[in-house]
N, C-alpha and C. Protein backbone atom coordinates (compact mmCIF):
# COMPACT_ATOMS: atom_id res chain seq x y z
N UNK A 1 76.08 -90.10 -15.49
CA UNK A 1 75.68 -88.90 -15.07
C UNK A 1 74.08 -89.12 -14.90
N UNK A 2 73.39 -88.82 -13.44
CA UNK A 2 72.28 -89.08 -13.19
C UNK A 2 71.22 -88.69 -13.93
N UNK A 3 69.97 -89.05 -14.05
CA UNK A 3 69.14 -88.73 -14.89
C UNK A 3 68.00 -87.78 -13.65
N UNK A 4 67.74 -86.67 -13.64
CA UNK A 4 66.97 -85.97 -13.01
C UNK A 4 65.36 -86.12 -13.29
N UNK A 5 64.92 -86.84 -14.42
CA UNK A 5 63.79 -86.66 -14.13
C UNK A 5 63.12 -88.32 -14.33
N UNK A 6 62.28 -88.62 -13.79
CA UNK A 6 61.56 -90.06 -13.25
C UNK A 6 61.07 -89.99 -14.59
N UNK A 7 61.01 -91.49 -14.54
CA UNK A 7 60.36 -92.31 -16.00
C UNK A 7 59.51 -91.90 -16.51
N UNK A 8 58.15 -91.39 -15.57
CA UNK A 8 57.04 -90.87 -16.30
C UNK A 8 57.39 -89.62 -16.98
N UNK A 9 58.28 -88.60 -16.45
CA UNK A 9 58.49 -87.09 -16.89
C UNK A 9 59.88 -87.69 -18.68
N UNK A 10 60.60 -88.72 -18.46
CA UNK A 10 61.02 -88.97 -19.34
C UNK A 10 60.63 -89.38 -20.61
N UNK A 11 59.12 -90.19 -20.66
CA UNK A 11 58.39 -90.34 -21.25
C UNK A 11 57.90 -88.74 -22.05
N UNK A 12 57.56 -88.11 -21.40
CA UNK A 12 56.80 -86.77 -21.60
C UNK A 12 58.16 -85.81 -22.90
N UNK A 13 58.92 -86.06 -22.01
CA UNK A 13 60.21 -85.19 -22.95
C UNK A 13 60.26 -86.04 -24.03
N UNK A 14 60.21 -87.43 -24.30
CA UNK A 14 60.81 -88.24 -25.52
C UNK A 14 59.31 -87.65 -26.58
N UNK A 15 58.50 -87.78 -26.01
CA UNK A 15 57.10 -87.44 -26.82
C UNK A 15 57.33 -86.02 -27.41
N UNK A 16 57.81 -84.88 -26.38
CA UNK A 16 57.58 -83.96 -26.76
C UNK A 16 58.68 -83.25 -28.14
N UNK A 17 59.88 -84.41 -27.81
CA UNK A 17 60.76 -84.25 -28.55
C UNK A 17 60.29 -84.83 -30.35
N UNK A 18 59.42 -85.89 -30.04
CA UNK A 18 58.81 -86.68 -31.32
C UNK A 18 58.12 -85.38 -31.82
N UNK A 19 57.14 -84.84 -31.00
CA UNK A 19 56.26 -83.61 -31.71
C UNK A 19 57.02 -82.73 -32.24
N UNK A 20 58.16 -82.27 -31.61
CA UNK A 20 58.85 -81.37 -32.39
C UNK A 20 59.58 -81.28 -33.61
N UNK A 21 60.05 -82.65 -33.82
CA UNK A 21 60.70 -83.08 -34.76
C UNK A 21 59.53 -83.14 -36.01
N UNK A 22 58.18 -83.64 -35.73
CA UNK A 22 57.25 -83.93 -36.82
C UNK A 22 57.04 -82.75 -37.04
N UNK A 23 56.76 -81.63 -36.78
CA UNK A 23 56.21 -80.30 -36.68
C UNK A 23 57.55 -79.45 -37.43
N UNK A 24 58.45 -79.16 -36.89
CA UNK A 24 59.80 -78.40 -37.47
C UNK A 24 61.05 -79.18 -37.65
N UNK A 25 61.29 -80.04 -36.64
CA UNK A 25 62.22 -80.68 -36.74
C UNK A 25 63.26 -79.79 -36.02
N UNK A 26 63.35 -78.83 -35.65
CA UNK A 26 64.54 -77.70 -34.90
C UNK A 26 64.39 -77.87 -33.42
N UNK A 27 63.41 -77.40 -32.88
CA UNK A 27 63.52 -76.97 -31.39
C UNK A 27 62.12 -77.55 -30.80
N UNK A 28 62.47 -77.80 -29.32
CA UNK A 28 61.28 -78.37 -28.69
C UNK A 28 60.81 -77.05 -27.90
N UNK A 29 59.70 -76.74 -27.96
CA UNK A 29 59.01 -75.42 -27.46
C UNK A 29 58.01 -75.80 -26.18
N UNK A 30 58.08 -74.72 -25.28
CA UNK A 30 57.06 -75.28 -24.29
C UNK A 30 55.56 -75.70 -24.53
N UNK A 31 55.21 -75.21 -25.74
CA UNK A 31 53.82 -76.00 -26.31
C UNK A 31 53.99 -77.27 -26.59
N UNK A 32 55.26 -77.98 -27.24
CA UNK A 32 55.37 -79.10 -27.56
C UNK A 32 55.39 -80.11 -26.06
N UNK A 33 56.25 -79.34 -24.92
CA UNK A 33 56.02 -80.23 -23.67
C UNK A 33 54.70 -80.06 -23.19
N UNK A 34 53.81 -79.09 -23.22
CA UNK A 34 52.35 -79.01 -22.76
C UNK A 34 51.60 -80.01 -23.77
N UNK A 35 51.40 -80.24 -24.95
CA UNK A 35 50.86 -81.05 -25.72
C UNK A 35 51.41 -82.64 -25.14
N UNK A 36 52.60 -83.15 -24.93
CA UNK A 36 53.02 -84.04 -24.44
C UNK A 36 52.49 -84.36 -22.96
N UNK A 37 52.48 -83.17 -22.15
CA UNK A 37 51.70 -83.70 -20.83
C UNK A 37 50.37 -83.86 -20.90
N UNK A 38 49.81 -83.49 -21.68
CA UNK A 38 48.20 -83.47 -21.95
C UNK A 38 47.86 -84.99 -22.42
N UNK A 39 48.53 -85.10 -23.27
CA UNK A 39 48.45 -86.84 -23.64
C UNK A 39 49.38 -88.14 -23.17
N UNK A 40 50.18 -87.76 -22.46
CA UNK A 40 51.21 -88.76 -21.87
C UNK A 40 51.24 -89.02 -20.26
N UNK A 41 50.72 -88.03 -19.87
CA UNK A 41 50.88 -87.70 -18.25
C UNK A 41 49.42 -87.62 -17.23
N UNK A 42 48.61 -88.47 -17.59
CA UNK A 42 47.01 -88.35 -17.18
C UNK A 42 47.24 -88.01 -15.44
N UNK A 43 48.12 -88.49 -14.63
CA UNK A 43 48.29 -88.63 -13.37
C UNK A 43 48.27 -87.45 -12.78
N UNK A 44 48.88 -86.39 -13.74
CA UNK A 44 49.29 -85.01 -13.26
C UNK A 44 48.14 -84.32 -13.59
N UNK A 45 46.84 -84.39 -14.44
CA UNK A 45 45.48 -84.09 -14.44
C UNK A 45 44.62 -84.48 -13.84
N UNK A 46 44.68 -85.83 -13.22
CA UNK A 46 44.05 -86.45 -12.16
C UNK A 46 44.02 -85.76 -10.85
N UNK A 47 44.84 -85.09 -10.56
CA UNK A 47 45.11 -84.26 -9.21
C UNK A 47 44.67 -82.90 -9.07
N UNK A 48 44.47 -82.55 -10.68
CA UNK A 48 43.56 -80.88 -10.91
C UNK A 48 42.36 -80.90 -11.13
N UNK A 49 41.77 -81.79 -10.33
CA UNK A 49 39.92 -81.92 -10.52
C UNK A 49 39.06 -80.71 -10.94
N UNK A 50 39.51 -79.21 -10.53
CA UNK A 50 38.88 -78.16 -11.27
C UNK A 50 39.22 -77.79 -12.58
N UNK A 51 39.97 -78.25 -13.38
CA UNK A 51 40.23 -78.22 -14.58
C UNK A 51 40.03 -79.07 -15.62
N UNK A 52 39.15 -78.37 -16.35
CA UNK A 52 38.07 -79.10 -17.75
C UNK A 52 39.65 -79.37 -18.57
N UNK A 53 40.02 -80.71 -18.29
CA UNK A 53 41.21 -81.12 -18.91
C UNK A 53 40.66 -81.63 -20.46
N UNK A 54 39.51 -81.70 -20.92
CA UNK A 54 39.11 -81.83 -22.34
C UNK A 54 39.08 -80.63 -23.08
N UNK A 55 38.81 -79.59 -22.41
CA UNK A 55 38.63 -78.19 -22.85
C UNK A 55 40.29 -77.91 -23.41
N UNK A 56 40.91 -78.19 -22.28
CA UNK A 56 42.42 -78.34 -22.55
C UNK A 56 43.19 -78.53 -23.55
N UNK A 57 42.97 -79.94 -23.55
CA UNK A 57 43.34 -80.75 -24.64
C UNK A 57 43.12 -80.21 -26.13
N UNK A 58 41.63 -79.82 -25.96
CA UNK A 58 41.03 -79.50 -27.58
C UNK A 58 41.74 -77.91 -27.70
N UNK A 59 42.36 -77.28 -26.61
CA UNK A 59 42.93 -76.07 -27.10
C UNK A 59 44.54 -76.14 -27.35
N UNK A 60 45.14 -77.32 -27.14
CA UNK A 60 46.39 -77.22 -27.27
C UNK A 60 46.66 -77.93 -28.88
N UNK A 61 47.11 -77.19 -29.51
CA UNK A 61 47.33 -77.09 -31.07
C UNK A 61 47.84 -78.65 -31.59
N UNK A 62 47.05 -79.39 -32.28
CA UNK A 62 47.29 -80.54 -32.45
C UNK A 62 49.07 -80.97 -33.44
N UNK A 63 49.61 -81.61 -32.87
CA UNK A 63 50.71 -82.09 -33.22
C UNK A 63 51.16 -83.49 -33.52
N UNK A 64 50.89 -83.84 -35.16
CA UNK A 64 51.12 -85.31 -35.33
C UNK A 64 52.25 -85.79 -35.24
N UNK A 65 52.51 -86.88 -34.67
CA UNK A 65 53.86 -87.30 -34.74
C UNK A 65 54.29 -88.12 -36.01
N UNK A 66 54.85 -87.74 -36.65
CA UNK A 66 54.93 -88.53 -38.28
C UNK A 66 56.42 -89.44 -38.04
N UNK A 67 55.96 -90.37 -38.99
CA UNK A 67 57.53 -91.42 -38.71
C UNK A 67 58.68 -90.79 -39.09
N UNK A 68 59.74 -90.85 -38.22
CA UNK A 68 60.85 -89.97 -38.55
C UNK A 68 61.80 -90.95 -39.61
N UNK A 69 62.60 -90.06 -40.00
CA UNK A 69 63.87 -90.77 -40.87
C UNK A 69 64.63 -91.32 -39.93
N UNK A 70 65.30 -92.25 -40.39
CA UNK A 70 66.44 -92.47 -39.41
C UNK A 70 67.57 -91.38 -39.87
N UNK A 71 67.73 -90.86 -40.71
CA UNK A 71 68.92 -89.76 -40.81
C UNK A 71 68.47 -88.32 -40.37
N UNK A 72 67.08 -88.09 -39.59
CA UNK A 72 66.31 -86.93 -39.06
C UNK A 72 67.55 -86.55 -37.56
N UNK A 73 68.20 -85.23 -37.41
CA UNK A 73 68.39 -84.96 -36.40
C UNK A 73 67.85 -84.71 -34.94
N UNK A 74 68.19 -84.90 -34.39
CA UNK A 74 66.90 -84.63 -32.93
C UNK A 74 66.91 -83.25 -32.69
N UNK A 75 65.67 -83.10 -32.25
CA UNK A 75 65.29 -81.77 -32.01
C UNK A 75 66.28 -81.32 -30.71
N UNK A 76 66.55 -80.17 -30.49
CA UNK A 76 67.06 -79.33 -29.21
C UNK A 76 66.14 -78.68 -28.42
N UNK A 77 66.43 -78.74 -26.92
CA UNK A 77 65.46 -77.61 -26.29
C UNK A 77 65.75 -76.51 -26.57
N UNK A 78 64.24 -75.42 -26.85
CA UNK A 78 64.50 -74.22 -26.82
C UNK A 78 65.06 -73.51 -25.81
N UNK A 79 65.37 -71.95 -25.92
CA UNK A 79 65.85 -71.39 -24.41
C UNK A 79 64.64 -71.77 -23.48
N UNK A 80 63.60 -71.19 -23.98
CA UNK A 80 62.46 -71.71 -23.24
C UNK A 80 62.23 -72.68 -22.41
N UNK A 81 62.47 -73.99 -23.47
CA UNK A 81 62.32 -75.11 -23.11
C UNK A 81 63.15 -75.33 -21.75
N UNK A 82 64.50 -75.08 -22.08
CA UNK A 82 65.50 -75.36 -20.61
C UNK A 82 64.82 -74.86 -19.89
N UNK A 83 64.50 -73.54 -20.01
CA UNK A 83 64.16 -72.94 -18.45
C UNK A 83 62.84 -73.44 -17.90
N UNK A 84 62.07 -74.21 -18.77
CA UNK A 84 60.75 -74.73 -18.09
C UNK A 84 61.03 -76.03 -17.57
N UNK A 85 62.24 -76.70 -17.84
CA UNK A 85 62.82 -77.81 -17.12
C UNK A 85 63.47 -77.48 -15.92
N UNK A 86 64.08 -76.17 -15.98
CA UNK A 86 65.36 -75.93 -14.88
C UNK A 86 63.93 -75.24 -13.84
N UNK A 87 63.28 -74.65 -14.03
CA UNK A 87 61.78 -74.47 -12.97
C UNK A 87 61.23 -75.79 -12.70
N UNK A 88 61.30 -76.37 -13.35
CA UNK A 88 60.67 -77.93 -12.80
C UNK A 88 61.58 -78.51 -11.74
N UNK A 89 63.00 -78.39 -12.10
CA UNK A 89 63.57 -78.96 -11.06
C UNK A 89 63.65 -78.14 -9.73
N UNK A 90 63.65 -76.84 -10.07
CA UNK A 90 63.59 -75.76 -8.87
C UNK A 90 62.31 -75.97 -8.11
N UNK A 91 61.30 -76.38 -8.72
CA UNK A 91 59.82 -76.43 -7.91
C UNK A 91 59.81 -77.89 -7.08
N UNK A 92 60.37 -78.92 -8.03
CA UNK A 92 60.52 -80.19 -7.01
C UNK A 92 61.37 -80.26 -5.77
N UNK A 93 62.68 -79.04 -5.87
CA UNK A 93 63.40 -79.21 -5.15
C UNK A 93 62.63 -78.16 -3.72
N UNK A 94 62.10 -77.06 -4.21
CA UNK A 94 61.03 -76.18 -3.37
C UNK A 94 60.26 -77.27 -2.31
N UNK A 95 59.26 -78.30 -2.99
CA UNK A 95 58.26 -79.00 -2.71
C UNK A 95 58.93 -79.96 -1.55
N UNK A 96 60.17 -80.31 -1.87
CA UNK A 96 60.45 -81.27 -0.88
C UNK A 96 61.49 -80.61 0.06
N UNK A 97 62.23 -79.81 -0.13
CA UNK A 97 63.15 -78.97 1.13
C UNK A 97 62.13 -77.87 2.06
N UNK A 98 60.97 -77.65 1.90
CA UNK A 98 59.97 -76.91 2.48
C UNK A 98 59.78 -77.58 3.76
N UNK A 99 59.60 -79.25 3.62
CA UNK A 99 59.24 -79.89 4.78
C UNK A 99 60.40 -80.86 5.15
N UNK A 100 61.57 -80.33 4.98
CA UNK A 100 62.83 -81.02 5.80
C UNK A 100 63.35 -79.92 6.43
N UNK A 101 64.17 -80.48 7.54
CA UNK A 101 65.01 -79.84 8.26
C UNK A 101 66.01 -79.49 7.58
N UNK A 102 67.16 -78.43 7.94
CA UNK A 102 68.15 -77.88 6.73
C UNK A 102 69.18 -79.12 6.54
N UNK A 103 69.73 -79.78 7.92
CA UNK A 103 70.20 -80.74 7.66
C UNK A 103 70.09 -81.95 6.53
N UNK A 104 68.91 -81.98 6.31
CA UNK A 104 68.31 -83.03 5.38
C UNK A 104 68.21 -82.47 4.04
N UNK A 105 68.42 -81.32 3.46
CA UNK A 105 68.13 -81.21 2.07
C UNK A 105 69.31 -81.25 1.64
N UNK A 106 70.66 -81.29 1.71
CA UNK A 106 71.75 -82.02 0.92
C UNK A 106 71.67 -83.36 0.39
N UNK A 107 70.81 -84.34 0.96
CA UNK A 107 70.74 -85.55 0.08
C UNK A 107 69.55 -85.47 -0.99
N UNK A 108 68.91 -84.48 -1.35
CA UNK A 108 67.73 -84.21 -2.24
C UNK A 108 68.79 -84.03 -3.37
N UNK A 109 69.75 -83.22 -3.28
CA UNK A 109 70.81 -82.83 -4.32
C UNK A 109 71.11 -83.99 -5.30
N UNK A 110 71.52 -85.06 -4.22
CA UNK A 110 72.32 -86.29 -4.73
C UNK A 110 71.54 -87.41 -5.31
N UNK A 111 70.08 -87.26 -5.20
CA UNK A 111 69.06 -88.17 -5.65
C UNK A 111 69.35 -88.22 -7.30
N UNK A 112 69.17 -89.74 -7.83
CA UNK A 112 69.23 -90.06 -9.12
C UNK A 112 68.17 -89.96 -9.81
N UNK A 113 66.78 -89.63 -9.32
CA UNK A 113 65.92 -89.70 -10.14
C UNK A 113 64.87 -88.89 -9.43
N UNK A 114 64.36 -87.89 -10.03
CA UNK A 114 63.27 -87.33 -8.71
C UNK A 114 61.97 -86.45 -9.47
N UNK A 115 62.58 -86.01 -10.55
CA UNK A 115 61.48 -84.63 -11.17
C UNK A 115 60.55 -85.18 -12.16
N UNK A 116 59.13 -85.27 -11.33
CA UNK A 116 58.21 -85.86 -12.26
C UNK A 116 57.37 -84.92 -13.27
N UNK A 117 56.06 -85.22 -14.15
CA UNK A 117 55.70 -84.33 -14.84
C UNK A 117 54.83 -83.26 -14.17
N UNK A 118 54.44 -83.53 -13.14
CA UNK A 118 53.66 -82.68 -12.19
C UNK A 118 54.66 -81.20 -11.85
N UNK A 119 55.97 -81.83 -11.99
CA UNK A 119 56.75 -80.32 -11.57
C UNK A 119 57.20 -79.76 -12.82
N UNK A 120 56.77 -80.54 -14.24
CA UNK A 120 57.08 -79.83 -15.64
C UNK A 120 55.93 -79.08 -15.97
N UNK A 121 54.86 -79.38 -15.38
CA UNK A 121 53.73 -78.56 -15.45
C UNK A 121 53.91 -77.23 -14.76
N UNK A 122 54.56 -77.03 -13.56
CA UNK A 122 54.89 -76.28 -12.83
C UNK A 122 55.77 -75.26 -13.33
N UNK A 123 57.11 -75.82 -14.21
CA UNK A 123 58.06 -75.32 -14.93
C UNK A 123 57.14 -74.73 -15.92
N UNK A 124 56.26 -74.87 -16.88
CA UNK A 124 55.83 -74.31 -17.70
C UNK A 124 54.85 -73.23 -17.21
N UNK A 125 53.80 -73.45 -16.17
CA UNK A 125 53.33 -72.34 -15.75
C UNK A 125 54.63 -70.93 -15.31
N UNK A 126 55.68 -71.20 -15.06
CA UNK A 126 56.61 -70.19 -14.41
C UNK A 126 57.36 -69.51 -15.76
N UNK A 127 57.24 -70.33 -16.60
CA UNK A 127 57.53 -69.52 -18.42
C UNK A 127 56.30 -68.84 -18.57
N UNK A 128 56.15 -67.81 -17.75
CA UNK A 128 54.71 -66.95 -18.03
C UNK A 128 54.50 -66.38 -20.06
N UNK A 129 55.77 -65.91 -20.27
CA UNK A 129 55.75 -65.47 -21.71
C UNK A 129 55.27 -66.27 -22.42
N UNK A 130 55.45 -67.70 -22.40
CA UNK A 130 55.27 -68.76 -23.66
C UNK A 130 53.47 -68.83 -23.81
N UNK A 131 53.41 -69.21 -24.63
CA UNK A 131 51.95 -69.39 -25.37
C UNK A 131 51.39 -70.72 -24.41
N UNK A 132 52.08 -71.79 -23.85
CA UNK A 132 51.99 -72.82 -23.27
C UNK A 132 51.24 -72.17 -22.01
N UNK A 133 52.16 -71.37 -21.23
CA UNK A 133 51.79 -70.78 -19.95
C UNK A 133 50.56 -69.91 -20.20
N UNK A 134 50.31 -69.17 -20.84
CA UNK A 134 49.29 -68.34 -21.43
C UNK A 134 47.72 -69.14 -21.43
N UNK A 135 48.06 -70.50 -22.15
CA UNK A 135 46.91 -71.25 -22.48
C UNK A 135 46.56 -71.83 -20.89
N UNK A 136 47.59 -72.22 -20.32
CA UNK A 136 47.10 -72.87 -19.09
C UNK A 136 46.39 -71.88 -17.94
N UNK A 137 46.91 -70.47 -18.21
CA UNK A 137 46.22 -69.26 -17.31
C UNK A 137 44.96 -69.50 -18.03
N UNK A 138 44.72 -69.13 -18.91
CA UNK A 138 43.38 -68.97 -19.76
C UNK A 138 42.60 -70.24 -19.35
N UNK A 139 42.75 -71.41 -18.95
CA UNK A 139 41.82 -72.28 -18.35
C UNK A 139 42.21 -72.64 -16.63
N UNK A 140 42.29 -71.61 -16.25
CA UNK A 140 42.20 -71.46 -14.86
C UNK A 140 43.16 -71.70 -14.07
N UNK A 141 44.23 -72.40 -14.70
CA UNK A 141 45.56 -72.63 -13.58
C UNK A 141 46.27 -71.73 -13.12
N UNK A 142 46.41 -71.91 -11.81
CA UNK A 142 46.98 -70.46 -11.23
C UNK A 142 48.24 -71.26 -10.33
N UNK A 143 49.55 -70.68 -10.47
CA UNK A 143 50.93 -71.14 -9.97
C UNK A 143 50.58 -71.47 -8.74
N UNK A 144 50.27 -70.88 -8.00
CA UNK A 144 50.31 -70.79 -6.26
C UNK A 144 49.37 -71.95 -5.92
N UNK A 145 48.15 -72.36 -6.69
CA UNK A 145 47.29 -73.29 -6.58
C UNK A 145 47.71 -74.55 -6.76
N UNK A 146 48.29 -74.39 -8.07
CA UNK A 146 48.30 -75.95 -8.60
C UNK A 146 49.81 -76.48 -7.72
N UNK A 147 50.71 -75.36 -7.26
CA UNK A 147 52.01 -75.77 -6.49
C UNK A 147 51.61 -76.40 -5.37
N UNK A 148 50.58 -75.87 -4.50
CA UNK A 148 49.90 -76.24 -3.31
C UNK A 148 49.53 -77.46 -3.48
N UNK A 149 48.58 -78.05 -4.59
CA UNK A 149 48.25 -79.03 -4.85
C UNK A 149 49.39 -80.19 -4.90
N UNK A 150 50.41 -79.97 -5.80
CA UNK A 150 51.65 -81.12 -5.76
C UNK A 150 52.50 -80.80 -4.93
N UNK A 151 52.63 -79.61 -4.05
CA UNK A 151 53.20 -80.01 -2.80
C UNK A 151 52.70 -80.86 -1.56
N UNK A 152 51.46 -81.07 -1.74
CA UNK A 152 50.58 -81.84 -0.54
C UNK A 152 50.89 -83.21 -1.15
N UNK A 153 51.11 -83.76 -2.33
CA UNK A 153 51.42 -84.80 -2.68
C UNK A 153 52.17 -85.82 -2.21
N UNK A 154 51.74 -86.95 -1.77
CA UNK A 154 53.20 -88.04 -1.03
C UNK A 154 54.25 -88.40 -2.44
N UNK A 155 55.32 -88.00 -1.96
CA UNK A 155 56.46 -88.27 -2.40
C UNK A 155 56.47 -89.47 -3.37
N UNK A 156 56.77 -90.38 -4.57
CA UNK A 156 56.75 -91.58 -5.06
C UNK A 156 57.48 -92.03 -4.71
C-alpha cells in the first residue's frame, strides 16, 4: 500500500507516537502531533516568519520521550488524530488541485508519497476543538493565512 506521507511527515508521526507512548501509552493526540511538529519539522516554521516559534515551543506541553520497553504496545491515533491526518491529506489535495486543469487531478490520487508536515499543521488547525488548534490560534496562526503560504510553496 502506498504511503501517503513524505519522509519528513513520517518522522513527525513516529515522534508523536513515541511521545504518546511515553506519556500514557494509549493514544496519539493532536497535542502529541504538534509537539512533534515543533521539534522535528523546522522547515514548516521557517515558512511562517510571522510566528514566534520560540514562544510556541515554550507553550507546548513538554513530553519526555522515555526508553520504551520492548513489550510496550504501540500507541494508536485518537479519533481527533485521525481527523488531523485526513484533513492534512485534504489540504494537500486542495493545494495541488487548485492549480491544475481537471484532467490532471486524477494522477494526484495515484501518487505514492505526498503529504508533508506543513499539511499536518493545516490539519491540526482544522481540528479546531483540539487543544493544539487553540494553542496555534492563540499564537497568531490563522488557517487561511497559513493555507495561502503553503499553497504558494513549490512542490518538493
